[in-house]
């Protein structure tokens, strides 16, 4: 089971690093920080494999949404899309915190 979790986290971090390079500014930095927080939760055992997979899937969905929005707008996000991504990152950040502090290991 640990191999599965490590594989998921490694794949998530690898995709996160390459995606963070595509995203300049705060969006990319926040995505990278959230990936680091998920990895820390796996390393110290505060995230279960199910929680990790769930968070990684949500992170990947958000990354895909940003990528599609940028593609549709010539490589940029509109102000409305930036606000939406910020709200989604806030929600995901709270979910990471709650999953790491819920006591389920």
PDB file of N, CA and C in Angstrom:
ATOM      1  N   UNK A   1       0.822  -1.192   0.000  1.00  0.00           N
ATOM      2  CA  UNK A   1       0.000   0.000   0.000  1.00  0.00           C
ATOM      3  C   UNK A   1       0.866   1.256   0.000  1.00  0.00           C
ATOM      4  N   UNK A   2       2.000   1.198   0.751  1.00  0.00           N
ATOM      5  CA  UNK A   2       2.882   2.357   0.778  1.00  0.00           C
ATOM      6  C   UNK A   2       3.437   2.650  -0.609  1.00  0.00           C
ATOM      7  N   UNK A   3       3.710   1.596  -1.378  1.00  0.00           N
ATOM      8  CA  UNK A   3       4.224   1.795  -2.727  1.00  0.00           C
ATOM      9  C   UNK A   3       3.207   2.545  -3.579  1.00  0.00           C
ATOM     10  N   UNK A   4       1.935   2.201  -3.419  1.00  0.00           N
ATOM     11  CA  UNK A   4       0.882   2.871  -4.169  1.00  0.00           C
ATOM     12  C   UNK A   4       0.841   4.353  -3.818  1.00  0.00           C
ATOM     13  N   UNK A   5       0.882   4.657  -2.524  1.00  0.00           N
ATOM     14  CA  UNK A   5       0.838   6.042  -2.085  1.00  0.00           C
ATOM     15  C   UNK A   5       2.062   6.799  -2.594  1.00  0.00           C
ATOM     16  N   UNK A   6       3.233   6.198  -2.466  1.00  0.00           N
ATOM     17  CA  UNK A   6       4.445   6.857  -2.935  1.00  0.00           C
ATOM     18  C   UNK A   6       4.414   7.079  -4.441  1.00  0.00           C
ATOM     19  N   UNK A   7       3.866   6.117  -5.166  1.00  0.00           N
ATOM     20  CA  UNK A   7       3.751   6.274  -6.612  1.00  0.00           C
ATOM     21  C   UNK A   7       2.821   7.425  -6.954  1.00  0.00           C
ATOM     22  N   UNK A   8       1.690   7.505  -6.265  1.00  0.00           N
ATOM     23  CA  UNK A   8       0.729   8.580  -6.511  1.00  0.00           C
ATOM     24  C   UNK A   8       1.350   9.933  -6.183  1.00  0.00           C
ATOM     25  N   UNK A   9       2.012  10.008  -5.034  1.00  0.00           N
ATOM     26  CA  UNK A   9       2.617  11.281  -4.625  1.00  0.00           C
ATOM     27  C   UNK A   9       3.730  11.682  -5.584  1.00  0.00           C
ATOM     28  N   UNK A  10       4.559  10.712  -5.949  1.00  0.00           N
ATOM     29  CA  UNK A  10       5.651  11.013  -6.868  1.00  0.00           C
ATOM     30  C   UNK A  10       5.115  11.502  -8.206  1.00  0.00           C
ATOM     31  N   UNK A  11       4.108  10.827  -8.717  1.00  0.00           N
ATOM     32  CA  UNK A  11       3.515  11.249  -9.984  1.00  0.00           C
ATOM     33  C   UNK A  11       2.902  12.641  -9.847  1.00  0.00           C
ATOM     34  N   UNK A  12       2.252  12.879  -8.737  1.00  0.00           N
ATOM     35  CA  UNK A  12       1.656  14.192  -8.503  1.00  0.00           C
ATOM     36  C   UNK A  12       2.689  15.286  -8.397  1.00  0.00           C
ATOM     37  N   UNK A  13       3.773  14.999  -7.704  1.00  0.00           N
ATOM     38  CA  UNK A  13       4.832  15.992  -7.577  1.00  0.00           C
ATOM     39  C   UNK A  13       5.505  16.255  -8.908  1.00  0.00           C
ATOM     40  N   UNK A  14       5.714  15.202  -9.676  1.00  0.00           N
ATOM     41  CA  UNK A  14       6.362  15.372 -10.971  1.00  0.00           C
ATOM     42  C   UNK A  14       5.479  16.197 -11.903  1.00  0.00           C
ATOM     43  N   UNK A  15       4.191  15.896 -11.915  1.00  0.00           N
ATOM     44  CA  UNK A  15       3.301  16.677 -12.771  1.00  0.00           C
ATOM     45  C   UNK A  15       3.160  18.089 -12.230  1.00  0.00           C
ATOM     46  N   UNK A  16       3.200  18.225 -10.910  1.00  0.00           N
ATOM     47  CA  UNK A  16       3.102  19.539 -10.297  1.00  0.00           C
ATOM     48  C   UNK A  16       4.289  20.412 -10.618  1.00  0.00           C
ATOM     49  N   UNK A  17       5.477  19.832 -10.622  1.00  0.00           N
ATOM     50  CA  UNK A  17       6.672  20.613 -10.916  1.00  0.00           C
ATOM     51  C   UNK A  17       6.639  21.103 -12.349  1.00  0.00           C
ATOM     52  N   UNK A  18       6.329  20.227 -13.277  1.00  0.00           N
ATOM     53  CA  UNK A  18       6.299  20.654 -14.670  1.00  0.00           C
ATOM     54  C   UNK A  18       5.166  21.647 -14.909  1.00  0.00           C
ATOM     55  N   UNK A  19       4.049  21.466 -14.229  1.00  0.00           N
ATOM     56  CA  UNK A  19       2.932  22.368 -14.413  1.00  0.00           C
ATOM     57  C   UNK A  19       3.214  23.717 -13.765  1.00  0.00           C
ATOM     58  N   UNK A  20       3.907  23.697 -12.614  1.00  0.00           N
ATOM     59  CA  UNK A  20       4.237  24.949 -11.945  1.00  0.00           C
ATOM     60  C   UNK A  20       5.139  25.805 -12.827  1.00  0.00           C
ATOM     61  N   UNK A  21       5.966  25.178 -13.636  1.00  0.00           N
ATOM     62  CA  UNK A  21       6.823  25.921 -14.535  1.00  0.00           C
ATOM     63  C   UNK A  21       5.992  26.581 -15.637  1.00  0.00           C
ATOM     64  N   UNK A  22       4.878  25.982 -15.992  1.00  0.00           N
ATOM     65  CA  UNK A  22       3.988  26.555 -16.997  1.00  0.00           C
ATOM     66  C   UNK A  22       3.207  27.737 -16.448  1.00  0.00           C
ATOM     67  N   UNK A  23       3.016  27.782 -15.157  1.00  0.00           N
ATOM     68  CA  UNK A  23       2.174  28.787 -14.532  1.00  0.00           C
ATOM     69  C   UNK A  23       3.027  29.813 -13.790  1.00  0.00           C
ATOM     70  N   UNK A  24       3.126  30.998 -14.295  1.00  0.00           N
ATOM     71  CA  UNK A  24       3.888  32.023 -13.590  1.00  0.00           C
ATOM     72  C   UNK A  24       3.081  32.588 -12.426  1.00  0.00           C
ATOM     73  N   UNK A  25       3.772  33.164 -11.481  1.00  0.00           N
ATOM     74  CA  UNK A  25       3.111  33.927 -10.437  1.00  0.00           C
ATOM     75  C   UNK A  25       2.539  33.109  -9.305  1.00  0.00           C
ATOM     76  N   UNK A  26       1.518  33.692  -8.696  1.00  0.00           N
ATOM     77  CA  UNK A  26       0.954  33.120  -7.478  1.00  0.00           C
ATOM     78  C   UNK A  26       0.274  31.783  -7.692  1.00  0.00           C
ATOM     79  N   UNK A  27      -0.383  31.592  -8.804  1.00  0.00           N
ATOM     80  CA  UNK A  27      -1.084  30.327  -9.044  1.00  0.00           C
ATOM     81  C   UNK A  27      -0.093  29.175  -9.026  1.00  0.00           C
ATOM     82  N   UNK A  28       1.002  29.326  -9.735  1.00  0.00           N
ATOM     83  CA  UNK A  28       2.025  28.283  -9.785  1.00  0.00           C
ATOM     84  C   UNK A  28       2.667  28.044  -8.435  1.00  0.00           C
ATOM     85  N   UNK A  29       2.941  29.120  -7.701  1.00  0.00           N
ATOM     86  CA  UNK A  29       3.568  28.979  -6.383  1.00  0.00           C
ATOM     87  C   UNK A  29       2.636  28.290  -5.397  1.00  0.00           C
ATOM     88  N   UNK A  30       1.367  28.652  -5.421  1.00  0.00           N
ATOM     89  CA  UNK A  30       0.414  28.009  -4.512  1.00  0.00           C
ATOM     90  C   UNK A  30       0.261  26.532  -4.832  1.00  0.00           C
ATOM     91  N   UNK A  31       0.226  26.209  -6.122  1.00  0.00           N
ATOM     92  CA  UNK A  31       0.100  24.807  -6.526  1.00  0.00           C
ATOM     93  C   UNK A  31       1.299  24.020  -6.008  1.00  0.00           C
ATOM     94  N   UNK A  32       2.468  24.583  -6.140  1.00  0.00           N
ATOM     95  CA  UNK A  32       3.683  23.917  -5.666  1.00  0.00           C
ATOM     96  C   UNK A  32       3.661  23.760  -4.147  1.00  0.00           C
ATOM     97  N   UNK A  33       3.241  24.795  -3.439  1.00  0.00           N
ATOM     98  CA  UNK A  33       3.155  24.722  -1.977  1.00  0.00           C
ATOM     99  C   UNK A  33       2.171  23.644  -1.527  1.00  0.00           C
ATOM    100  N   UNK A  34       1.036  23.552  -2.215  1.00  0.00           N
ATOM    101  CA  UNK A  34       0.051  22.548  -1.840  1.00  0.00           C
ATOM    102  C   UNK A  34       0.567  21.137  -2.110  1.00  0.00           C
ATOM    103  N   UNK A  35       1.300  20.971  -3.206  1.00  0.00           N
ATOM    104  CA  UNK A  35       1.902  19.660  -3.476  1.00  0.00           C
ATOM    105  C   UNK A  35       2.901  19.303  -2.377  1.00  0.00           C
ATOM    106  N   UNK A  36       3.671  20.281  -1.922  1.00  0.00           N
ATOM    107  CA  UNK A  36       4.627  20.046  -0.842  1.00  0.00           C
ATOM    108  C   UNK A  36       3.917  19.655   0.448  1.00  0.00           C
ATOM    109  N   UNK A  37       2.792  20.322   0.730  1.00  0.00           N
ATOM    110  CA  UNK A  37       2.037  19.991   1.941  1.00  0.00           C
ATOM    111  C   UNK A  37       1.474  18.576   1.882  1.00  0.00           C
ATOM    112  N   UNK A  38       1.007  18.161   0.713  1.00  0.00           N
ATOM    113  CA  UNK A  38       0.506  16.794   0.562  1.00  0.00           C
ATOM    114  C   UNK A  38       1.647  15.802   0.762  1.00  0.00           C
ATOM    115  N   UNK A  39       2.796  16.078   0.174  1.00  0.00           N
ATOM    116  CA  UNK A  39       3.952  15.194   0.314  1.00  0.00           C
ATOM    117  C   UNK A  39       4.399  15.096   1.771  1.00  0.00           C
ATOM    118  N   UNK A  40       4.367  16.205   2.490  1.00  0.00           N
ATOM    119  CA  UNK A  40       4.725  16.184   3.904  1.00  0.00           C
ATOM    120  C   UNK A  40       3.743  15.334   4.701  1.00  0.00           C
ATOM    121  N   UNK A  41       2.465  15.427   4.358  1.00  0.00           N
ATOM    122  CA  UNK A  41       1.454  14.624   5.040  1.00  0.00           C
ATOM    123  C   UNK A  41       1.654  13.133   4.817  1.00  0.00           C
ATOM    124  N   UNK A  42       2.078  12.764   3.625  1.00  0.00           N
ATOM    125  CA  UNK A  42       2.362  11.358   3.335  1.00  0.00           C
ATOM    126  C   UNK A  42       3.610  10.925   4.111  1.00  0.00           C
ATOM    127  N   UNK A  43       4.637  11.772   4.077  1.00  0.00           N
ATOM    128  CA  UNK A  43       5.910  11.425   4.718  1.00  0.00           C
ATOM    129  C   UNK A  43       5.757  11.257   6.224  1.00  0.00           C
ATOM    130  N   UNK A  44       4.958  12.101   6.870  1.00  0.00           N
ATOM    131  CA  UNK A  44       4.835  11.985   8.322  1.00  0.00           C
ATOM    132  C   UNK A  44       3.628  11.159   8.756  1.00  0.00           C
ATOM    133  N   UNK A  45       2.904  10.619   7.807  1.00  0.00           N
ATOM    134  CA  UNK A  45       1.818   9.692   8.122  1.00  0.00           C
ATOM    135  C   UNK A  45       0.501  10.333   8.496  1.00  0.00           C
ATOM    136  N   UNK A  46       0.358  11.633   8.322  1.00  0.00           N
ATOM    137  CA  UNK A  46      -0.907  12.277   8.688  1.00  0.00           C
ATOM    138  C   UNK A  46      -1.965  12.165   7.600  1.00  0.00           C
ATOM    139  N   UNK A  47      -1.558  11.737   6.405  1.00  0.00           N
ATOM    140  CA  UNK A  47      -2.520  11.511   5.321  1.00  0.00           C
ATOM    141  C   UNK A  47      -2.594  10.023   5.009  1.00  0.00           C
ATOM    142  N   UNK A  48      -3.802   9.517   4.952  1.00  0.00           N
ATOM    143  CA  UNK A  48      -4.003   8.121   4.579  1.00  0.00           C
ATOM    144  C   UNK A  48      -3.889   8.000   3.058  1.00  0.00           C
ATOM    145  N   UNK A  49      -3.716   6.795   2.561  1.00  0.00           N
ATOM    146  CA  UNK A  49      -3.652   6.618   1.108  1.00  0.00           C
ATOM    147  C   UNK A  49      -4.903   7.136   0.393  1.00  0.00           C
ATOM    148  N   UNK A  50      -6.053   6.912   0.974  1.00  0.00           N
ATOM    149  CA  UNK A  50      -7.303   7.380   0.361  1.00  0.00           C
ATOM    150  C   UNK A  50      -7.358   8.906   0.335  1.00  0.00           C
ATOM    151  N   UNK A  51      -6.979   9.539   1.449  1.00  0.00           N
ATOM    152  CA  UNK A  51      -6.970  11.000   1.501  1.00  0.00           C
ATOM    153  C   UNK A  51      -5.976  11.567   0.484  1.00  0.00           C
ATOM    154  N   UNK A  52      -4.821  10.933   0.396  1.00  0.00           N
ATOM    155  CA  UNK A  52      -3.792  11.385  -0.541  1.00  0.00           C
ATOM    156  C   UNK A  52      -4.300  11.307  -1.978  1.00  0.00           C
ATOM    157  N   UNK A  53      -4.884  10.185  -2.330  1.00  0.00           N
ATOM    158  CA  UNK A  53      -5.395  10.007  -3.686  1.00  0.00           C
ATOM    159  C   UNK A  53      -6.484  11.033  -3.988  1.00  0.00           C
ATOM    160  N   UNK A  54      -7.361  11.269  -3.024  1.00  0.00           N
ATOM    161  CA  UNK A  54      -8.441  12.236  -3.197  1.00  0.00           C
ATOM    162  C   UNK A  54      -7.881  13.644  -3.428  1.00  0.00           C
ATOM    163  N   UNK A  55      -6.929  14.048  -2.611  1.00  0.00           N
ATOM    164  CA  UNK A  55      -6.341  15.381  -2.747  1.00  0.00           C
ATOM    165  C   UNK A  55      -5.570  15.520  -4.056  1.00  0.00           C
ATOM    166  N   UNK A  56      -4.839  14.479  -4.423  1.00  0.00           N
ATOM    167  CA  UNK A  56      -4.077  14.515  -5.674  1.00  0.00           C
ATOM    168  C   UNK A  56      -5.017  14.624  -6.885  1.00  0.00           C
ATOM    169  N   UNK A  57      -6.137  13.917  -6.825  1.00  0.00           N
ATOM    170  CA  UNK A  57      -7.112  14.001  -7.921  1.00  0.00           C
ATOM    171  C   UNK A  57      -7.700  15.407  -8.025  1.00  0.00           C
ATOM    172  N   UNK A  58      -8.019  16.000  -6.891  1.00  0.00           N
ATOM    173  CA  UNK A  58      -8.563  17.361  -6.899  1.00  0.00           C
ATOM    174  C   UNK A  58      -7.531  18.349  -7.431  1.00  0.00           C
ATOM    175  N   UNK A  59      -6.289  18.173  -7.022  1.00  0.00           N
ATOM    176  CA  UNK A  59      -5.212  19.044  -7.504  1.00  0.00           C
ATOM    177  C   UNK A  59      -5.037  18.896  -9.015  1.00  0.00           C
ATOM    178  N   UNK A  60      -5.068  17.661  -9.498  1.00  0.00           N
ATOM    179  CA  UNK A  60      -4.920  17.410 -10.937  1.00  0.00           C
ATOM    180  C   UNK A  60      -6.080  18.017 -11.723  1.00  0.00           C
ATOM    181  N   UNK A  61      -7.295  17.897 -11.198  1.00  0.00           N
ATOM    182  CA  UNK A  61      -8.458  18.486 -11.873  1.00  0.00           C
ATOM    183  C   UNK A  61      -8.339  20.005 -11.967  1.00  0.00           C
ATOM    184  N   UNK A  62      -7.889  20.624 -10.887  1.00  0.00           N
ATOM    185  CA  UNK A  62      -7.700  22.073 -10.900  1.00  0.00           C
ATOM    186  C   UNK A  62      -6.616  22.459 -11.902  1.00  0.00           C
ATOM    187  N   UNK A  63      -5.526  21.712 -11.931  1.00  0.00           N
ATOM    188  CA  UNK A  63      -4.435  21.990 -12.879  1.00  0.00           C
ATOM    189  C   UNK A  63      -4.917  21.867 -14.319  1.00  0.00           C
ATOM    190  N   UNK A  64      -5.713  20.850 -14.583  1.00  0.00           N
ATOM    191  CA  UNK A  64      -6.255  20.673 -15.938  1.00  0.00           C
ATOM    192  C   UNK A  64      -7.196  21.814 -16.321  1.00  0.00           C
ATOM    193  N   UNK A  65      -7.989  22.251 -15.358  1.00  0.00           N
ATOM    194  CA  UNK A  65      -8.908  23.358 -15.617  1.00  0.00           C
ATOM    195  C   UNK A  65      -8.126  24.634 -15.957  1.00  0.00           C
ATOM    196  N   UNK A  66      -7.076  24.912 -15.201  1.00  0.00           N
ATOM    197  CA  UNK A  66      -6.253  26.093 -15.458  1.00  0.00           C
ATOM    198  C   UNK A  66      -5.590  25.979 -16.833  1.00  0.00           C
ATOM    199  N   UNK A  67      -5.082  24.800 -17.125  1.00  0.00           N
ATOM    200  CA  UNK A  67      -4.426  24.579 -18.420  1.00  0.00           C
ATOM    201  C   UNK A  67      -5.404  24.829 -19.571  1.00  0.00           C
ATOM    202  N   UNK A  68      -6.627  24.334 -19.447  1.00  0.00           N
ATOM    203  CA  UNK A  68      -7.639  24.525 -20.493  1.00  0.00           C
ATOM    204  C   UNK A  68      -8.037  25.996 -20.615  1.00  0.00           C
ATOM    205  N   UNK A  69      -8.173  26.676 -19.470  1.00  0.00           N
ATOM    206  CA  UNK A  69      -8.531  28.095 -19.497  1.00  0.00           C
ATOM    207  C   UNK A  69      -7.432  28.907 -20.179  1.00  0.00           C
ATOM    208  N   UNK A  70      -6.189  28.584 -19.860  1.00  0.00           N
ATOM    209  CA  UNK A  70      -5.072  29.299 -20.495  1.00  0.00           C
ATOM    210  C   UNK A  70      -5.049  29.031 -22.003  1.00  0.00           C
ATOM    211  N   UNK A  71      -5.290  27.798 -22.363  1.00  0.00           N
ATOM    212  CA  UNK A  71      -5.287  27.422 -23.778  1.00  0.00           C
ATOM    213  C   UNK A  71      -6.371  28.179 -24.536  1.00  0.00           C
ATOM    214  N   UNK A  72      -7.524  28.352 -23.913  1.00  0.00           N
ATOM    215  CA  UNK A  72      -8.646  29.033 -24.554  1.00  0.00           C
ATOM    216  C   UNK A  72      -8.425  30.538 -24.666  1.00  0.00           C
ATOM    217  N   UNK A  73      -7.515  31.080 -23.855  1.00  0.00           N
ATOM    218  CA  UNK A  73      -7.315  32.532 -23.827  1.00  0.00           C
ATOM    219  C   UNK A  73      -5.909  32.936 -24.247  1.00  0.00           C
ATOM    220  N   UNK A  74      -5.302  32.180 -25.102  1.00  0.00           N
ATOM    221  CA  UNK A  74      -3.996  32.557 -25.623  1.00  0.00           C
ATOM    222  C   UNK A  74      -2.882  32.539 -24.587  1.00  0.00           C
ATOM    223  N   UNK A  75      -2.973  31.663 -23.601  1.00  0.00           N
ATOM    224  CA  UNK A  75      -1.925  31.535 -22.599  1.00  0.00           C
ATOM    225  C   UNK A  75      -2.133  32.344 -21.333  1.00  0.00           C
ATOM    226  N   UNK A  76      -3.215  33.087 -21.253  1.00  0.00           N
ATOM    227  CA  UNK A  76      -3.495  33.916 -20.085  1.00  0.00           C
ATOM    228  C   UNK A  76      -4.821  33.532 -19.457  1.00  0.00           C
ATOM    229  N   UNK A  77      -4.981  33.936 -18.199  1.00  0.00           N
ATOM    230  CA  UNK A  77      -6.258  33.770 -17.513  1.00  0.00           C
ATOM    231  C   UNK A  77      -6.925  35.127 -17.402  1.00  0.00           C
ATOM    232  N   UNK A  78      -8.245  35.137 -17.544  1.00  0.00           N
ATOM    233  CA  UNK A  78      -8.983  36.376 -17.331  1.00  0.00           C
ATOM    234  C   UNK A  78      -9.033  36.651 -15.831  1.00  0.00           C
ATOM    235  N   UNK A  79      -9.376  37.865 -15.455  1.00  0.00           N
ATOM    236  CA  UNK A  79      -9.488  38.202 -14.031  1.00  0.00           C
ATOM    237  C   UNK A  79     -10.527  37.330 -13.343  1.00  0.00           C
ATOM    238  N   UNK A  80     -11.617  37.060 -14.025  1.00  0.00           N
ATOM    239  CA  UNK A  80     -12.669  36.210 -13.461  1.00  0.00           C
ATOM    240  C   UNK A  80     -12.124  34.801 -13.214  1.00  0.00           C
ATOM    241  N   UNK A  81     -11.361  34.263 -14.172  1.00  0.00           N
ATOM    242  CA  UNK A  81     -10.784  32.926 -14.020  1.00  0.00           C
ATOM    243  C   UNK A  81      -9.757  32.899 -12.892  1.00  0.00           C
ATOM    244  N   UNK A  82      -8.992  33.975 -12.745  1.00  0.00           N
ATOM    245  CA  UNK A  82      -8.018  34.047 -11.651  1.00  0.00           C
ATOM    246  C   UNK A  82      -8.717  34.007 -10.300  1.00  0.00           C
ATOM    247  N   UNK A  83      -9.821  34.750 -10.176  1.00  0.00           N
ATOM    248  CA  UNK A  83     -10.583  34.730  -8.917  1.00  0.00           C
ATOM    249  C   UNK A  83     -11.126  33.338  -8.635  1.00  0.00           C
ATOM    250  N   UNK A  84     -11.640  32.699  -9.680  1.00  0.00           N
ATOM    251  CA  UNK A  84     -12.199  31.362  -9.523  1.00  0.00           C
ATOM    252  C   UNK A  84     -11.116  30.376  -9.094  1.00  0.00           C
ATOM    253  N   UNK A  85      -9.954  30.429  -9.736  1.00  0.00           N
ATOM    254  CA  UNK A  85      -8.845  29.529  -9.382  1.00  0.00           C
ATOM    255  C   UNK A  85      -8.401  29.796  -7.952  1.00  0.00           C
ATOM    256  N   UNK A  86      -8.353  31.065  -7.560  1.00  0.00           N
ATOM    257  CA  UNK A  86      -7.971  31.405  -6.196  1.00  0.00           C
ATOM    258  C   UNK A  86      -8.940  30.803  -5.182  1.00  0.00           C
ATOM    259  N   UNK A  87     -10.234  30.903  -5.458  1.00  0.00           N
ATOM    260  CA  UNK A  87     -11.240  30.309  -4.562  1.00  0.00           C
ATOM    261  C   UNK A  87     -11.066  28.791  -4.495  1.00  0.00           C
ATOM    262  N   UNK A  88     -10.827  28.161  -5.650  1.00  0.00           N
ATOM    263  CA  UNK A  88     -10.653  26.712  -5.669  1.00  0.00           C
ATOM    264  C   UNK A  88      -9.386  26.311  -4.912  1.00  0.00           C
ATOM    265  N   UNK A  89      -8.322  27.091  -5.048  1.00  0.00           N
ATOM    266  CA  UNK A  89      -7.103  26.786  -4.308  1.00  0.00           C
ATOM    267  C   UNK A  89      -7.320  26.978  -2.807  1.00  0.00           C
ATOM    268  N   UNK A  90      -8.103  27.977  -2.420  1.00  0.00           N
ATOM    269  CA  UNK A  90      -8.421  28.169  -1.006  1.00  0.00           C
ATOM    270  C   UNK A  90      -9.168  26.958  -0.454  1.00  0.00           C
ATOM    271  N   UNK A  91     -10.159  26.487  -1.208  1.00  0.00           N
ATOM    272  CA  UNK A  91     -10.918  25.310  -0.772  1.00  0.00           C
ATOM    273  C   UNK A  91     -10.020  24.097  -0.643  1.00  0.00           C
ATOM    274  N   UNK A  92      -9.171  23.885  -1.640  1.00  0.00           N
ATOM    275  CA  UNK A  92      -8.267  22.738  -1.615  1.00  0.00           C
ATOM    276  C   UNK A  92      -7.290  22.854  -0.452  1.00  0.00           C
ATOM    277  N   UNK A  93      -6.817  24.049  -0.169  1.00  0.00           N
ATOM    278  CA  UNK A  93      -5.909  24.260   0.949  1.00  0.00           C
ATOM    279  C   UNK A  93      -6.576  23.864   2.271  1.00  0.00           C
ATOM    280  N   UNK A  94      -7.836  24.263   2.443  1.00  0.00           N
ATOM    281  CA  UNK A  94      -8.579  23.893   3.651  1.00  0.00           C
ATOM    282  C   UNK A  94      -8.780  22.383   3.725  1.00  0.00           C
ATOM    283  N   UNK A  95      -9.031  21.756   2.573  1.00  0.00           N
ATOM    284  CA  UNK A  95      -9.212  20.301   2.562  1.00  0.00           C
ATOM    285  C   UNK A  95      -7.907  19.591   2.929  1.00  0.00           C
ATOM    286  N   UNK A  96      -6.786  20.107   2.463  1.00  0.00           N
ATOM    287  CA  UNK A  96      -5.488  19.521   2.822  1.00  0.00           C
ATOM    288  C   UNK A  96      -5.286  19.637   4.324  1.00  0.00           C
ATOM    289  N   UNK A  97      -5.540  20.823   4.860  1.00  0.00           N
ATOM    290  CA  UNK A  97      -5.385  21.033   6.299  1.00  0.00           C
ATOM    291  C   UNK A  97      -6.275  20.070   7.081  1.00  0.00           C
ATOM    292  N   UNK A  98      -7.556  20.003   6.713  1.00  0.00           N
ATOM    293  CA  UNK A  98      -8.489  19.136   7.439  1.00  0.00           C
ATOM    294  C   UNK A  98      -8.087  17.673   7.348  1.00  0.00           C
ATOM    295  N   UNK A  99      -7.639  17.237   6.190  1.00  0.00           N
ATOM    296  CA  UNK A  99      -7.239  15.837   6.030  1.00  0.00           C
ATOM    297  C   UNK A  99      -6.001  15.529   6.864  1.00  0.00           C
ATOM    298  N   UNK A 100      -5.091  16.474   6.967  1.00  0.00           N
ATOM    299  CA  UNK A 100      -3.871  16.251   7.743  1.00  0.00           C
ATOM    300  C   UNK A 100      -4.140  16.298   9.246  1.00  0.00           C
ATOM    301  N   UNK A 101      -5.223  16.956   9.667  1.00  0.00           N
ATOM    302  CA  UNK A 101      -5.486  17.131  11.086  1.00  0.00           C
ATOM    303  C   UNK A 101      -6.716  16.390  11.596  1.00  0.00           C
ATOM    304  N   UNK A 102      -7.227  15.460  10.803  1.00  0.00           N
ATOM    305  CA  UNK A 102      -8.455  14.773  11.224  1.00  0.00           C
ATOM    306  C   UNK A 102      -8.201  13.563  12.115  1.00  0.00           C
ATOM    307  N   UNK A 103      -6.963  13.192  12.317  1.00  0.00           N
ATOM    308  CA  UNK A 103      -6.637  12.075  13.196  1.00  0.00           C
ATOM    309  C   UNK A 103      -6.738  10.712  12.552  1.00  0.00           C
ATOM    310  N   UNK A 104      -7.216  10.602  11.341  1.00  0.00           N
ATOM    311  CA  UNK A 104      -7.288   9.320  10.632  1.00  0.00           C
ATOM    312  C   UNK A 104      -5.952   9.054   9.959  1.00  0.00           C
ATOM    313  N   UNK A 105      -5.364   7.936  10.287  1.00  0.00           N
ATOM    314  CA  UNK A 105      -4.047   7.595   9.701  1.00  0.00           C
ATOM    315  C   UNK A 105      -4.152   6.290   8.996  1.00  0.00           C
TER     316      UNK A 105
END
